[in-house]
């Protein structure tokens, strides 16, 4: 949990709901798509942020697909040192055979050297 708090800029000793990624729906060419918006550290070269999509919450992590429709959006409330990123699902809600789910996955990047 501390890695995610570091990645999103939250304080592990203080509960702050405003820093949690938020879901939305965006209409493109008449179709609705889920979006996930979050704050990303601009100077954190040690972090890898990915938004993953799936039709079920119970799919193994390897079956979740990385979503690549990302854009940096202008958020007046974005803290210094962060950028506000909105990622759109690759599958329209109408085209999904069931439900759609998005999740934010943050990892420490592997650096050279011995583990």
Protein backbone atom coordinates (compact mmCIF):
# COMPACT_ATOMS: atom_id res chain seq x y z
CA UNK A 1 0.00 0.00 0.00
CA UNK A 2 2.84 2.42 0.70
CA UNK A 3 4.06 2.11 -2.91
CA UNK A 4 0.66 3.20 -4.18
CA UNK A 5 0.53 6.02 -1.66
CA UNK A 6 3.97 7.18 -2.80
CA UNK A 7 2.95 6.92 -6.47
CA UNK A 8 -0.25 8.94 -5.95
CA UNK A 9 1.23 11.43 -3.51
CA UNK A 10 -0.80 10.51 -0.46
CA UNK A 11 0.37 10.56 3.14
CA UNK A 12 0.31 7.05 4.70
CA UNK A 13 -0.49 8.58 8.09
CA UNK A 14 -3.52 10.56 6.87
CA UNK A 15 -6.65 9.35 5.06
CA UNK A 16 -7.25 11.50 1.97
CA UNK A 17 -9.98 10.32 -0.42
CA UNK A 18 -9.17 13.09 -2.93
CA UNK A 19 -6.02 11.26 -4.07
CA UNK A 20 -7.78 8.01 -4.99
CA UNK A 21 -8.05 7.38 -8.76
CA UNK A 22 -11.55 8.10 -10.05
CA UNK A 23 -13.68 6.36 -12.66
CA UNK A 24 -15.60 8.15 -15.36
CA UNK A 25 -17.39 7.54 -18.64
CA UNK A 26 -16.42 9.25 -21.89
CA UNK A 27 -18.45 9.18 -25.12
CA UNK A 28 -16.48 8.82 -28.35
CA UNK A 29 -18.26 8.57 -31.71
CA UNK A 30 -21.52 7.65 -29.97
CA UNK A 31 -20.03 4.90 -27.79
CA UNK A 32 -19.35 5.04 -24.06
CA UNK A 33 -15.97 4.07 -22.59
CA UNK A 34 -14.82 3.76 -18.98
CA UNK A 35 -11.99 6.07 -17.96
CA UNK A 36 -9.65 5.99 -15.00
CA UNK A 37 -8.03 9.27 -13.94
CA UNK A 38 -5.14 9.54 -11.48
CA UNK A 39 -2.22 11.71 -10.44
CA UNK A 40 1.21 10.52 -11.58
CA UNK A 41 4.52 11.75 -10.15
CA UNK A 42 6.41 13.56 -12.91
CA UNK A 43 9.87 13.05 -11.41
CA UNK A 44 9.45 9.39 -10.40
CA UNK A 45 11.61 7.60 -12.94
CA UNK A 46 11.53 4.57 -10.62
CA UNK A 47 7.78 3.95 -11.07
CA UNK A 48 5.84 2.25 -13.84
CA UNK A 49 2.12 3.16 -13.98
CA UNK A 50 -0.29 0.93 -15.93
CA UNK A 51 -4.05 0.93 -16.27
CA UNK A 52 -5.39 -2.58 -16.85
CA UNK A 53 -8.81 -3.62 -18.14
CA UNK A 54 -10.81 -6.83 -17.82
CA UNK A 55 -14.33 -8.21 -18.14
CA UNK A 56 -14.07 -9.87 -14.72
CA UNK A 57 -12.51 -8.95 -11.40
CA UNK A 58 -11.46 -12.55 -10.89
CA UNK A 59 -9.19 -12.86 -13.94
CA UNK A 60 -5.53 -13.61 -13.19
CA UNK A 61 -3.39 -10.48 -13.47
CA UNK A 62 -1.79 -11.87 -16.66
CA UNK A 63 -5.23 -11.78 -18.35
CA UNK A 64 -5.85 -8.10 -17.67
CA UNK A 65 -4.99 -6.00 -20.76
CA UNK A 66 -2.97 -2.82 -20.55
CA UNK A 67 -4.92 0.19 -21.77
CA UNK A 68 -2.99 2.61 -23.96
CA UNK A 69 -5.47 5.43 -24.67
CA UNK A 70 -3.87 7.87 -22.21
CA UNK A 71 -3.79 11.64 -22.11
CA UNK A 72 -2.51 14.22 -19.67
CA UNK A 73 -5.39 16.47 -18.74
CA UNK A 74 -5.26 19.96 -17.32
CA UNK A 75 -6.46 19.76 -13.75
CA UNK A 76 -6.33 23.00 -11.81
CA UNK A 77 -6.11 21.04 -8.57
CA UNK A 78 -3.13 18.90 -9.61
CA UNK A 79 -0.37 19.30 -7.02
CA UNK A 80 3.10 20.49 -8.01
CA UNK A 81 5.27 17.58 -9.17
CA UNK A 82 2.34 15.57 -10.54
CA UNK A 83 0.35 15.35 -13.73
CA UNK A 84 -3.27 14.31 -14.06
CA UNK A 85 -3.56 11.31 -16.41
CA UNK A 86 -6.82 10.00 -17.89
CA UNK A 87 -6.79 6.53 -19.48
CA UNK A 88 -9.69 5.31 -21.63
CA UNK A 89 -10.70 1.66 -21.89
CA UNK A 90 -10.10 0.10 -25.30
CA UNK A 91 -13.52 -1.60 -25.33
CA UNK A 92 -16.76 0.36 -25.44
CA UNK A 93 -19.26 -0.45 -22.71
CA UNK A 94 -21.81 -1.33 -25.42
CA UNK A 95 -19.40 -3.79 -27.09
CA UNK A 96 -18.54 -5.71 -23.93
CA UNK A 97 -20.27 -9.07 -23.50
CA UNK A 98 -20.47 -8.45 -19.76
CA UNK A 99 -19.01 -5.94 -17.33
CA UNK A 100 -15.83 -3.86 -17.70
CA UNK A 101 -13.32 -3.15 -14.96
CA UNK A 102 -10.27 -0.87 -14.83
CA UNK A 103 -7.51 -0.93 -12.25
CA UNK A 104 -4.35 1.06 -11.65
CA UNK A 105 -1.19 -1.03 -11.30
CA UNK A 106 2.03 0.60 -10.08
CA UNK A 107 5.38 -1.17 -9.91
CA UNK A 108 8.92 -0.20 -9.06
CA UNK A 109 11.00 -0.34 -12.22
CA UNK A 110 13.79 -2.87 -12.22
CA UNK A 111 17.23 -1.29 -12.11
CA UNK A 112 20.48 -2.89 -13.13
CA UNK A 113 22.56 -4.77 -10.62
CA UNK A 114 22.05 -7.66 -8.29
CA UNK A 115 18.62 -8.10 -6.66
